[in-house]
PDB file of N, CA and C in Angstrom:
ATOM      1  N   MET A   1       0.847  -1.258   0.030  1.00  0.00           N
ATOM      2  CA  MET A   1       0.007  -0.043  -0.050  1.00  0.00           C
ATOM      3  C   MET A   1       0.841   1.243  -0.034  1.00  0.00           C
ATOM      4  N   GLY A   2       0.746   2.130  -0.964  1.00  0.00           N
ATOM      5  CA  GLY A   2       1.600   3.287  -1.143  1.00  0.00           C
ATOM      6  C   GLY A   2       1.198   4.444  -0.197  1.00  0.00           C
ATOM      7  N   GLU A   3       2.133   5.302   0.012  1.00  0.00           N
ATOM      8  CA  GLU A   3       1.860   6.447   0.857  1.00  0.00           C
ATOM      9  C   GLU A   3       1.120   7.499   0.006  1.00  0.00           C
ATOM     10  N   GLN A   4       0.206   8.302   0.575  1.00  0.00           N
ATOM     11  CA  GLN A   4      -0.414   9.316  -0.211  1.00  0.00           C
ATOM     12  C   GLN A   4       0.550  10.398  -0.452  1.00  0.00           C
ATOM     13  N   SER A   5       0.209  11.059  -1.656  1.00  0.00           N
ATOM     14  CA  SER A   5       1.213  12.055  -2.156  1.00  0.00           C
ATOM     15  C   SER A   5       1.436  13.265  -1.234  1.00  0.00           C
ATOM     16  N   MET A   6       0.443  13.605  -0.497  1.00  0.00           N
ATOM     17  CA  MET A   6       0.532  14.703   0.456  1.00  0.00           C
ATOM     18  C   MET A   6       1.204  14.442   1.738  1.00  0.00           C
ATOM     19  N   THR A   7       1.292  13.132   1.994  1.00  0.00           N
ATOM     20  CA  THR A   7       1.808  12.646   3.373  1.00  0.00           C
ATOM     21  C   THR A   7       3.397  12.841   3.243  1.00  0.00           C
ATOM     22  N   LYS A   8       3.910  13.424   4.453  1.00  0.00           N
ATOM     23  CA  LYS A   8       5.285  13.498   4.502  1.00  0.00           C
ATOM     24  C   LYS A   8       5.716  12.643   5.715  1.00  0.00           C
ATOM     25  N   VAL A   9       6.821  11.904   5.445  1.00  0.00           N
ATOM     26  CA  VAL A   9       7.218  10.939   6.508  1.00  0.00           C
ATOM     27  C   VAL A   9       8.647  11.457   6.985  1.00  0.00           C
ATOM     28  N   PHE A  10       8.827  11.360   8.296  1.00  0.00           N
ATOM     29  CA  PHE A  10      10.143  11.636   8.921  1.00  0.00           C
ATOM     30  C   PHE A  10      10.666  10.405   9.472  1.00  0.00           C
ATOM     31  N   LEU A  11      11.904   9.995   9.131  1.00  0.00           N
ATOM     32  CA  LEU A  11      12.552   8.765   9.573  1.00  0.00           C
ATOM     33  C   LEU A  11      13.906   9.078  10.307  1.00  0.00           C
ATOM     34  N   LEU A  12      14.142   8.406  11.289  1.00  0.00           N
ATOM     35  CA  LEU A  12      15.413   8.473  11.995  1.00  0.00           C
ATOM     36  C   LEU A  12      16.041   7.108  12.048  1.00  0.00           C
ATOM     37  N   PHE A  13      17.245   6.971  11.611  1.00  0.00           N
ATOM     38  CA  PHE A  13      18.011   5.754  11.550  1.00  0.00           C
ATOM     39  C   PHE A  13      19.273   5.910  12.445  1.00  0.00           C
ATOM     40  N   GLY A  14      19.700   4.930  13.214  1.00  0.00           N
ATOM     41  CA  GLY A  14      20.885   4.830  13.914  1.00  0.00           C
ATOM     42  C   GLY A  14      21.921   4.083  13.051  1.00  0.00           C
ATOM     43  N   ILE A  15      23.106   4.609  13.015  1.00  0.00           N
ATOM     44  CA  ILE A  15      24.178   4.083  12.160  1.00  0.00           C
ATOM     45  C   ILE A  15      25.420   3.764  13.137  1.00  0.00           C
ATOM     46  N   ASP A  16      25.828   2.454  12.999  1.00  0.00           N
ATOM     47  CA  ASP A  16      26.905   1.966  13.837  1.00  0.00           C
ATOM     48  C   ASP A  16      28.167   1.714  12.995  1.00  0.00           C
ATOM     49  N   THR A  17      28.925   2.787  12.876  1.00  0.00           N
ATOM     50  CA  THR A  17      30.177   2.800  12.130  1.00  0.00           C
ATOM     51  C   THR A  17      31.309   3.389  12.942  1.00  0.00           C
ATOM     52  N   ALA A  18      32.568   3.340  12.558  1.00  0.00           N
ATOM     53  CA  ALA A  18      33.651   3.824  13.271  1.00  0.00           C
ATOM     54  C   ALA A  18      33.820   5.383  13.153  1.00  0.00           C
ATOM     55  N   SER A  19      33.189   6.025  12.196  1.00  0.00           N
ATOM     56  CA  SER A  19      33.417   7.439  12.021  1.00  0.00           C
ATOM     57  C   SER A  19      32.241   8.080  11.188  1.00  0.00           C
ATOM     58  N   LEU A  20      32.205   9.348  11.289  1.00  0.00           N
ATOM     59  CA  LEU A  20      31.090  10.038  10.577  1.00  0.00           C
ATOM     60  C   LEU A  20      31.347   9.922   9.048  1.00  0.00           C
ATOM     61  N   ASP A  21      32.536   9.892   8.549  1.00  0.00           N
ATOM     62  CA  ASP A  21      32.869   9.700   7.160  1.00  0.00           C
ATOM     63  C   ASP A  21      32.401   8.349   6.713  1.00  0.00           C
ATOM     64  N   LYS A  22      32.578   7.328   7.516  1.00  0.00           N
ATOM     65  CA  LYS A  22      32.083   5.959   7.134  1.00  0.00           C
ATOM     66  C   LYS A  22      30.645   5.871   7.221  1.00  0.00           C
ATOM     67  N   ALA A  23      30.011   6.608   8.127  1.00  0.00           N
ATOM     68  CA  ALA A  23      28.495   6.502   8.247  1.00  0.00           C
ATOM     69  C   ALA A  23      27.953   7.192   6.972  1.00  0.00           C
ATOM     70  N   ASN A  24      28.544   8.315   6.476  1.00  0.00           N
ATOM     71  CA  ASN A  24      28.050   8.967   5.293  1.00  0.00           C
ATOM     72  C   ASN A  24      28.224   8.083   4.089  1.00  0.00           C
ATOM     73  N   ALA A  25      29.484   7.498   3.958  1.00  0.00           N
ATOM     74  CA  ALA A  25      29.749   6.604   2.841  1.00  0.00           C
ATOM     75  C   ALA A  25      28.727   5.481   2.764  1.00  0.00           C
ATOM     76  N   LEU A  26      28.305   4.833   3.843  1.00  0.00           N
ATOM     77  CA  LEU A  26      27.372   3.772   3.865  1.00  0.00           C
ATOM     78  C   LEU A  26      26.006   4.288   3.367  1.00  0.00           C
ATOM     79  N   VAL A  27      25.548   5.432   3.903  1.00  0.00           N
ATOM     80  CA  VAL A  27      24.320   6.079   3.401  1.00  0.00           C
ATOM     81  C   VAL A  27      24.354   6.376   1.936  1.00  0.00           C
ATOM     82  N   GLU A  28      25.439   6.878   1.452  1.00  0.00           N
ATOM     83  CA  GLU A  28      25.538   7.215   0.092  1.00  0.00           C
ATOM     84  C   GLU A  28      25.510   5.937  -0.726  1.00  0.00           C
ATOM     85  N   LEU A  29      26.069   4.856  -0.388  1.00  0.00           N
ATOM     86  CA  LEU A  29      26.097   3.592  -1.077  1.00  0.00           C
ATOM     87  C   LEU A  29      24.673   3.025  -1.125  1.00  0.00           C
ATOM     88  N   LEU A  30      24.061   2.972   0.074  1.00  0.00           N
ATOM     89  CA  LEU A  30      22.757   2.299   0.143  1.00  0.00           C
ATOM     90  C   LEU A  30      21.698   3.089  -0.512  1.00  0.00           C
ATOM     91  N   LEU A  31      21.684   4.460  -0.480  1.00  0.00           N
ATOM     92  CA  LEU A  31      20.689   5.229  -1.005  1.00  0.00           C
ATOM     93  C   LEU A  31      21.004   5.792  -2.410  1.00  0.00           C
ATOM     94  N   ARG A  32      22.216   5.486  -2.925  1.00  0.00           N
ATOM     95  CA  ARG A  32      22.666   5.909  -4.277  1.00  0.00           C
ATOM     96  C   ARG A  32      22.541   7.345  -4.407  1.00  0.00           C
ATOM     97  N   THR A  33      23.077   8.107  -3.425  1.00  0.00           N
ATOM     98  CA  THR A  33      22.951   9.640  -3.455  1.00  0.00           C
ATOM     99  C   THR A  33      24.238  10.159  -2.950  1.00  0.00           C
ATOM    100  N   LYS A  34      24.430  11.461  -3.182  1.00  0.00           N
ATOM    101  CA  LYS A  34      25.540  12.259  -2.733  1.00  0.00           C
ATOM    102  C   LYS A  34      25.120  13.333  -1.691  1.00  0.00           C
ATOM    103  N   LEU A  35      25.814  13.205  -0.474  1.00  0.00           N
ATOM    104  CA  LEU A  35      25.556  14.202   0.538  1.00  0.00           C
ATOM    105  C   LEU A  35      26.764  15.089   0.602  1.00  0.00           C
ATOM    106  N   GLU A  36      26.560  16.403   0.784  1.00  0.00           N
ATOM    107  CA  GLU A  36      27.591  17.386   0.781  1.00  0.00           C
ATOM    108  C   GLU A  36      28.068  17.536   2.294  1.00  0.00           C
ATOM    109  N   PRO A  37      29.381  17.658   2.426  1.00  0.00           N
ATOM    110  CA  PRO A  37      29.947  18.020   3.762  1.00  0.00           C
ATOM    111  C   PRO A  37      29.576  19.408   4.193  1.00  0.00           C
ATOM    112  N   ARG A  38      29.175  19.587   5.467  1.00  0.00           N
ATOM    113  CA  ARG A  38      28.765  20.857   5.941  1.00  0.00           C
ATOM    114  C   ARG A  38      29.243  20.989   7.464  1.00  0.00           C
ATOM    115  N   GLU A  39      29.148  22.224   7.939  1.00  0.00           N
ATOM    116  CA  GLU A  39      29.619  22.425   9.357  1.00  0.00           C
ATOM    117  C   GLU A  39      28.547  23.418   9.933  1.00  0.00           C
ATOM    118  N   SER A  40      28.144  23.139  11.142  1.00  0.00           N
ATOM    119  CA  SER A  40      27.255  23.973  11.905  1.00  0.00           C
ATOM    120  C   SER A  40      27.248  23.618  13.417  1.00  0.00           C
ATOM    121  N   SER A  41      27.399  24.639  14.270  1.00  0.00           N
ATOM    122  CA  SER A  41      27.313  24.310  15.622  1.00  0.00           C
ATOM    123  C   SER A  41      25.913  23.726  16.042  1.00  0.00           C
ATOM    124  N   PHE A  42      24.908  24.074  15.291  1.00  0.00           N
ATOM    125  CA  PHE A  42      23.537  23.619  15.561  1.00  0.00           C
ATOM    126  C   PHE A  42      23.494  22.058  15.394  1.00  0.00           C
ATOM    127  N   HIS A  43      24.297  21.549  14.459  1.00  0.00           N
ATOM    128  CA  HIS A  43      24.286  20.077  14.228  1.00  0.00           C
ATOM    129  C   HIS A  43      25.489  19.367  14.968  1.00  0.00           C
ATOM    130  N   GLY A  44      26.214  20.167  15.712  1.00  0.00           N
ATOM    131  CA  GLY A  44      27.409  19.533  16.544  1.00  0.00           C
ATOM    132  C   GLY A  44      28.694  19.567  15.832  1.00  0.00           C
ATOM    133  N   GLY A  45      28.795  20.462  14.851  1.00  0.00           N
ATOM    134  CA  GLY A  45      30.072  20.468  13.990  1.00  0.00           C
ATOM    135  C   GLY A  45      29.864  20.026  12.638  1.00  0.00           C
ATOM    136  N   ASN A  46      30.714  19.046  12.212  1.00  0.00           N
ATOM    137  CA  ASN A  46      30.697  18.497  10.851  1.00  0.00           C
ATOM    138  C   ASN A  46      29.429  17.582  10.723  1.00  0.00           C
ATOM    139  N   TYR A  47      28.909  17.658   9.506  1.00  0.00           N
ATOM    140  CA  TYR A  47      27.797  16.696   9.175  1.00  0.00           C
ATOM    141  C   TYR A  47      27.674  16.662   7.630  1.00  0.00           C
ATOM    142  N   PHE A  48      26.809  15.823   7.094  1.00  0.00           N
ATOM    143  CA  PHE A  48      26.581  15.675   5.685  1.00  0.00           C
ATOM    144  C   PHE A  48      25.139  15.893   5.448  1.00  0.00           C
ATOM    145  N   ALA A  49      24.741  16.548   4.378  1.00  0.00           N
ATOM    146  CA  ALA A  49      23.342  16.778   4.023  1.00  0.00           C
ATOM    147  C   ALA A  49      23.096  17.003   2.588  1.00  0.00           C
ATOM    148  N   THR A  50      21.810  16.757   2.135  1.00  0.00           N
ATOM    149  CA  THR A  50      21.367  17.127   0.852  1.00  0.00           C
ATOM    150  C   THR A  50      19.900  17.426   0.934  1.00  0.00           C
ATOM    151  N   ARG A  51      19.391  18.236   0.025  1.00  0.00           N
ATOM    152  CA  ARG A  51      18.030  18.605   0.023  1.00  0.00           C
ATOM    153  C   ARG A  51      17.481  18.408  -1.324  1.00  0.00           C
ATOM    154  N   GLY A  52      16.295  17.697  -1.525  1.00  0.00           N
ATOM    155  CA  GLY A  52      15.765  17.412  -2.808  1.00  0.00           C
ATOM    156  C   GLY A  52      14.834  18.570  -3.222  1.00  0.00           C
ATOM    157  N   ALA A  53      14.451  18.570  -4.465  1.00  0.00           N
ATOM    158  CA  ALA A  53      13.536  19.699  -4.953  1.00  0.00           C
ATOM    159  C   ALA A  53      12.223  19.734  -4.297  1.00  0.00           C
ATOM    160  N   ASP A  54      11.738  18.441  -3.879  1.00  0.00           N
ATOM    161  CA  ASP A  54      10.455  18.398  -3.193  1.00  0.00           C
ATOM    162  C   ASP A  54      10.516  18.694  -1.754  1.00  0.00           C
ATOM    163  N   GLY A  55      11.649  19.149  -1.235  1.00  0.00           N
ATOM    164  CA  GLY A  55      11.712  19.496   0.236  1.00  0.00           C
ATOM    165  C   GLY A  55      12.315  18.351   1.130  1.00  0.00           C
ATOM    166  N   GLU A  56      12.550  17.168   0.491  1.00  0.00           N
ATOM    167  CA  GLU A  56      13.147  16.134   1.246  1.00  0.00           C
ATOM    168  C   GLU A  56      14.529  16.454   1.699  1.00  0.00           C
ATOM    169  N   GLN A  57      14.932  16.124   2.942  1.00  0.00           N
ATOM    170  CA  GLN A  57      16.215  16.389   3.420  1.00  0.00           C
ATOM    171  C   GLN A  57      16.847  15.100   4.031  1.00  0.00           C
ATOM    172  N   LEU A  58      18.039  14.819   3.642  1.00  0.00           N
ATOM    173  CA  LEU A  58      18.888  13.765   4.256  1.00  0.00           C
ATOM    174  C   LEU A  58      19.950  14.320   4.976  1.00  0.00           C
ATOM    175  N   LEU A  59      20.217  13.949   6.231  1.00  0.00           N
ATOM    176  CA  LEU A  59      21.300  14.483   7.033  1.00  0.00           C
ATOM    177  C   LEU A  59      21.938  13.407   7.857  1.00  0.00           C
ATOM    178  N   VAL A  60      23.215  13.389   7.760  1.00  0.00           N
ATOM    179  CA  VAL A  60      24.007  12.390   8.523  1.00  0.00           C
ATOM    180  C   VAL A  60      24.833  13.194   9.547  1.00  0.00           C
ATOM    181  N   LYS A  61      24.815  12.827  10.786  1.00  0.00           N
ATOM    182  CA  LYS A  61      25.497  13.564  11.869  1.00  0.00           C
ATOM    183  C   LYS A  61      25.787  12.726  13.005  1.00  0.00           C
ATOM    184  N   SER A  62      26.758  13.133  13.795  1.00  0.00           N
ATOM    185  CA  SER A  62      27.138  12.454  15.043  1.00  0.00           C
ATOM    186  C   SER A  62      26.008  12.568  16.062  1.00  0.00           C
ATOM    187  N   ASN A  63      25.711  11.563  16.852  1.00  0.00           N
ATOM    188  CA  ASN A  63      24.701  11.634  17.891  1.00  0.00           C
ATOM    189  C   ASN A  63      25.177  12.406  19.071  1.00  0.00           C
ATOM    190  N   PHE A  64      26.496  12.438  19.286  1.00  0.00           N
ATOM    191  CA  PHE A  64      27.009  13.176  20.512  1.00  0.00           C
ATOM    192  C   PHE A  64      27.747  14.499  19.986  1.00  0.00           C
ATOM    193  N   ASP A  65      27.238  15.642  20.485  1.00  0.00           N
ATOM    194  CA  ASP A  65      27.786  16.854  20.246  1.00  0.00           C
ATOM    195  C   ASP A  65      28.888  17.138  21.243  1.00  0.00           C
ATOM    196  N   ARG A  66      30.218  17.015  20.783  1.00  0.00           N
ATOM    197  CA  ARG A  66      31.293  17.237  21.685  1.00  0.00           C
ATOM    198  C   ARG A  66      31.487  18.637  22.250  1.00  0.00           C
ATOM    199  N   HIS A  67      31.065  19.613  21.425  1.00  0.00           N
ATOM    200  CA  HIS A  67      31.132  20.952  21.825  1.00  0.00           C
ATOM    201  C   HIS A  67      30.152  21.311  22.922  1.00  0.00           C
ATOM    202  N   ALA A  68      28.947  20.802  22.848  1.00  0.00           N
ATOM    203  CA  ALA A  68      27.860  21.092  23.764  1.00  0.00           C
ATOM    204  C   ALA A  68      27.928  20.081  24.883  1.00  0.00           C
ATOM    205  N   GLY A  69      28.565  18.921  24.644  1.00  0.00           N
ATOM    206  CA  GLY A  69      28.614  17.848  25.690  1.00  0.00           C
ATOM    207  C   GLY A  69      27.365  17.219  25.920  1.00  0.00           C
ATOM    208  N   GLU A  70      26.541  17.055  24.810  1.00  0.00           N
ATOM    209  CA  GLU A  70      25.216  16.442  24.963  1.00  0.00           C
ATOM    210  C   GLU A  70      24.858  15.571  23.719  1.00  0.00           C
ATOM    211  N   TRP A  71      23.905  14.652  23.901  1.00  0.00           N
ATOM    212  CA  TRP A  71      23.438  13.871  22.863  1.00  0.00           C
ATOM    213  C   TRP A  71      22.274  14.464  22.083  1.00  0.00           C
ATOM    214  N   SER A  72      22.353  14.295  20.847  1.00  0.00           N
ATOM    215  CA  SER A  72      21.196  14.803  19.966  1.00  0.00           C
ATOM    216  C   SER A  72      19.911  13.992  20.249  1.00  0.00           C
ATOM    217  N   GLU A  73      20.148  12.703  20.306  1.00  0.00           N
ATOM    218  CA  GLU A  73      19.019  11.771  20.612  1.00  0.00           C
ATOM    219  C   GLU A  73      19.354  10.852  21.734  1.00  0.00           C
ATOM    220  N   PRO A  74      19.227  11.360  22.973  1.00  0.00           N
ATOM    221  CA  PRO A  74      19.725  10.721  24.207  1.00  0.00           C
ATOM    222  C   PRO A  74      18.919   9.374  24.376  1.00  0.00           C
ATOM    223  N   GLN A  75      17.886   9.140  23.812  1.00  0.00           N
ATOM    224  CA  GLN A  75      17.142   7.813  23.961  1.00  0.00           C
ATOM    225  C   GLN A  75      17.782   6.757  23.125  1.00  0.00           C
ATOM    226  N   TYR A  76      18.783   7.161  22.333  1.00  0.00           N
ATOM    227  CA  TYR A  76      19.394   6.255  21.396  1.00  0.00           C
ATOM    228  C   TYR A  76      20.945   6.283  21.545  1.00  0.00           C
ATOM    229  N   LEU A  77      21.333   6.117  22.789  1.00  0.00           N
ATOM    230  CA  LEU A  77      22.803   6.226  22.984  1.00  0.00           C
ATOM    231  C   LEU A  77      23.683   5.080  22.345  1.00  0.00           C
ATOM    232  N   HIS A  78      23.023   4.017  21.955  1.00  0.00           N
ATOM    233  CA  HIS A  78      23.729   2.904  21.253  1.00  0.00           C
ATOM    234  C   HIS A  78      23.979   3.238  19.830  1.00  0.00           C
ATOM    235  N   ALA A  79      23.491   4.427  19.337  1.00  0.00           N
ATOM    236  CA  ALA A  79      23.721   4.845  17.951  1.00  0.00           C
ATOM    237  C   ALA A  79      24.696   5.958  17.806  1.00  0.00           C
ATOM    238  N   PRO A  80      25.963   5.717  17.481  1.00  0.00           N
ATOM    239  CA  PRO A  80      27.001   6.809  17.488  1.00  0.00           C
ATOM    240  C   PRO A  80      26.699   7.853  16.421  1.00  0.00           C
ATOM    241  N   PHE A  81      25.984   7.462  15.318  1.00  0.00           N
ATOM    242  CA  PHE A  81      25.704   8.301  14.193  1.00  0.00           C
ATOM    243  C   PHE A  81      24.255   8.196  13.773  1.00  0.00           C
ATOM    244  N   LEU A  82      23.748   9.321  13.249  1.00  0.00           N
ATOM    245  CA  LEU A  82      22.257   9.320  12.927  1.00  0.00           C
ATOM    246  C   LEU A  82      22.047   9.716  11.516  1.00  0.00           C
ATOM    247  N   LEU A  83      21.042   9.201  10.829  1.00  0.00           N
ATOM    248  CA  LEU A  83      20.534   9.585   9.569  1.00  0.00           C
ATOM    249  C   LEU A  83      19.161  10.087   9.738  1.00  0.00           C
ATOM    250  N   TYR A  84      19.043  11.328   9.450  1.00  0.00           N
ATOM    251  CA  TYR A  84      17.619  11.927   9.488  1.00  0.00           C
ATOM    252  C   TYR A  84      17.098  12.017   8.033  1.00  0.00           C
ATOM    253  N   VAL A  85      15.998  11.531   7.796  1.00  0.00           N
ATOM    254  CA  VAL A  85      15.292  11.680   6.494  1.00  0.00           C
ATOM    255  C   VAL A  85      14.014  12.445   6.792  1.00  0.00           C
ATOM    256  N   ASN A  86      14.007  13.712   6.412  1.00  0.00           N
ATOM    257  CA  ASN A  86      12.965  14.674   6.737  1.00  0.00           C
ATOM    258  C   ASN A  86      11.995  14.908   5.554  1.00  0.00           C
ATOM    259  N   ALA A  87      10.760  14.929   5.786  1.00  0.00           N
ATOM    260  CA  ALA A  87       9.760  15.327   4.800  1.00  0.00           C
ATOM    261  C   ALA A  87       9.863  14.545   3.529  1.00  0.00           C
ATOM    262  N   THR A  88       9.960  13.234   3.653  1.00  0.00           N
ATOM    263  CA  THR A  88      10.028  12.341   2.397  1.00  0.00           C
ATOM    264  C   THR A  88       8.708  11.920   1.989  1.00  0.00           C
ATOM    265  N   HIS A  89       8.510  11.730   0.628  1.00  0.00           N
ATOM    266  CA  HIS A  89       7.383  11.096   0.038  1.00  0.00           C
ATOM    267  C   HIS A  89       7.804   9.636  -0.301  1.00  0.00           C
ATOM    268  N   ARG A  90       9.004   9.194  -0.086  1.00  0.00           N
ATOM    269  CA  ARG A  90       9.445   7.927  -0.560  1.00  0.00           C
ATOM    270  C   ARG A  90      10.050   7.135   0.649  1.00  0.00           C
ATOM    271  N   ALA A  91       9.418   7.093   1.692  1.00  0.00           N
ATOM    272  CA  ALA A  91       9.849   6.385   2.923  1.00  0.00           C
ATOM    273  C   ALA A  91       9.962   4.906   2.635  1.00  0.00           C
ATOM    274  N   ALA A  92       8.985   4.307   2.009  1.00  0.00           N
ATOM    275  CA  ALA A  92       9.081   2.832   1.661  1.00  0.00           C
ATOM    276  C   ALA A  92      10.284   2.521   0.809  1.00  0.00           C
ATOM    277  N   GLU A  93      10.668   3.406  -0.149  1.00  0.00           N
ATOM    278  CA  GLU A  93      11.884   3.214  -1.024  1.00  0.00           C
ATOM    279  C   GLU A  93      13.127   3.240  -0.190  1.00  0.00           C
ATOM    280  N   ILE A  94      13.136   4.244   0.657  1.00  0.00           N
ATOM    281  CA  ILE A  94      14.385   4.462   1.583  1.00  0.00           C
ATOM    282  C   ILE A  94      14.531   3.252   2.508  1.00  0.00           C
ATOM    283  N   GLU A  95      13.480   2.896   3.153  1.00  0.00           N
ATOM    284  CA  GLU A  95      13.551   1.776   4.061  1.00  0.00           C
ATOM    285  C   GLU A  95      13.854   0.480   3.407  1.00  0.00           C
ATOM    286  N   GLY A  96      13.408   0.324   2.080  1.00  0.00           N
ATOM    287  CA  GLY A  96      13.823  -0.859   1.305  1.00  0.00           C
ATOM    288  C   GLY A  96      15.250  -0.865   0.898  1.00  0.00           C
ATOM    289  N   ALA A  97      15.730   0.289   0.610  1.00  0.00           N
ATOM    290  CA  ALA A  97      17.193   0.413   0.150  1.00  0.00           C
ATOM    291  C   ALA A  97      18.088   0.129   1.351  1.00  0.00           C
ATOM    292  N   ILE A  98      17.732   0.537   2.424  1.00  0.00           N
ATOM    293  CA  ILE A  98      18.578   0.257   3.655  1.00  0.00           C
ATOM    294  C   ILE A  98      18.389  -1.198   4.059  1.00  0.00           C
ATOM    295  N   GLY A  99      17.148  -1.717   3.901  1.00  0.00           N
ATOM    296  CA  GLY A  99      16.955  -3.218   4.079  1.00  0.00           C
ATOM    297  C   GLY A  99      17.330  -3.617   5.464  1.00  0.00           C
ATOM    298  N   ASN A 100      18.034  -4.768   5.475  1.00  0.00           N
ATOM    299  CA  ASN A 100      18.494  -5.445   6.699  1.00  0.00           C
ATOM    300  C   ASN A 100      19.958  -5.190   6.905  1.00  0.00           C
ATOM    301  N   ASN A 101      20.506  -4.027   6.530  1.00  0.00           N
ATOM    302  CA  ASN A 101      21.910  -3.781   6.799  1.00  0.00           C
ATOM    303  C   ASN A 101      22.216  -3.708   8.323  1.00  0.00           C
ATOM    304  N   ALA A 102      23.101  -4.544   8.751  1.00  0.00           N
ATOM    305  CA  ALA A 102      23.380  -4.672  10.236  1.00  0.00           C
ATOM    306  C   ALA A 102      23.937  -3.360  10.807  1.00  0.00           C
ATOM    307  N   GLN A 103      24.423  -2.432  10.058  1.00  0.00           N
ATOM    308  CA  GLN A 103      25.013  -1.204  10.593  1.00  0.00           C
ATOM    309  C   GLN A 103      23.927  -0.104  10.679  1.00  0.00           C
ATOM    310  N   ILE A 104      22.779  -0.279  10.135  1.00  0.00           N
ATOM    311  CA  ILE A 104      21.762   0.802  10.234  1.00  0.00           C
ATOM    312  C   ILE A 104      20.441   0.251  10.677  1.00  0.00           C
ATOM    313  N   SER A 105      19.854   0.899  11.613  1.00  0.00           N
ATOM    314  CA  SER A 105      18.572   0.455  12.142  1.00  0.00           C
ATOM    315  C   SER A 105      17.535   1.583  12.322  1.00  0.00           C
ATOM    316  N   LEU A 106      16.308   1.316  11.918  1.00  0.00           N
ATOM    317  CA  LEU A 106      15.271   2.372  12.000  1.00  0.00           C
ATOM    318  C   LEU A 106      15.016   2.580  13.509  1.00  0.00           C
ATOM    319  N   LEU A 107      15.088   3.864  13.958  1.00  0.00           N
ATOM    320  CA  LEU A 107      14.750   4.168  15.379  1.00  0.00           C
ATOM    321  C   LEU A 107      13.415   4.811  15.617  1.00  0.00           C
ATOM    322  N   ARG A 108      13.015   5.617  14.547  1.00  0.00           N
ATOM    323  CA  ARG A 108      11.703   6.245  14.701  1.00  0.00           C
ATOM    324  C   ARG A 108      11.194   6.568  13.337  1.00  0.00           C
ATOM    325  N   ARG A 109       9.852   6.524  13.224  1.00  0.00           N
ATOM    326  CA  ARG A 109       9.112   6.901  11.957  1.00  0.00           C
ATOM    327  C   ARG A 109       7.832   7.643  12.353  1.00  0.00           C
ATOM    328  N   SER A 110       7.717   8.930  11.833  1.00  0.00           N
ATOM    329  CA  SER A 110       6.522   9.589  12.035  1.00  0.00           C
ATOM    330  C   SER A 110       6.007  10.241  10.807  1.00  0.00           C
ATOM    331  N   THR A 111       4.692  10.455  10.745  1.00  0.00           N
ATOM    332  CA  THR A 111       4.025  10.871   9.628  1.00  0.00           C
ATOM    333  C   THR A 111       3.234  12.130   9.806  1.00  0.00           C
ATOM    334  N   VAL A 112       3.260  13.106   8.951  1.00  0.00           N
ATOM    335  CA  VAL A 112       2.466  14.330   9.141  1.00  0.00           C
ATOM    336  C   VAL A 112       1.706  14.593   7.793  1.00  0.00           C
TER     337      VAL A 112
END
């Protein structure tokens, strides 16, 4: 059953890799997309992101902000890195591409 065209889905995945660069490389491989390196204190320093024409955003960042000394998602301390998929209309496609990869797990899914 497909998602309605007006429905936007927000996904959060935990990524278990040795570094932010490796987390990003894994996301790029699985989703067949390129994320650009960026830096912002709001996202805890270095991160990777891309935004689609339809408003979809993919963002890979560290779960722990070393500068602020706090976790972005404290309920998921087991996930050193995070993939946010914001405002997507293709959640099923993304979840299918990630599949059963042992290094990435779905942590949260919400629909608006």
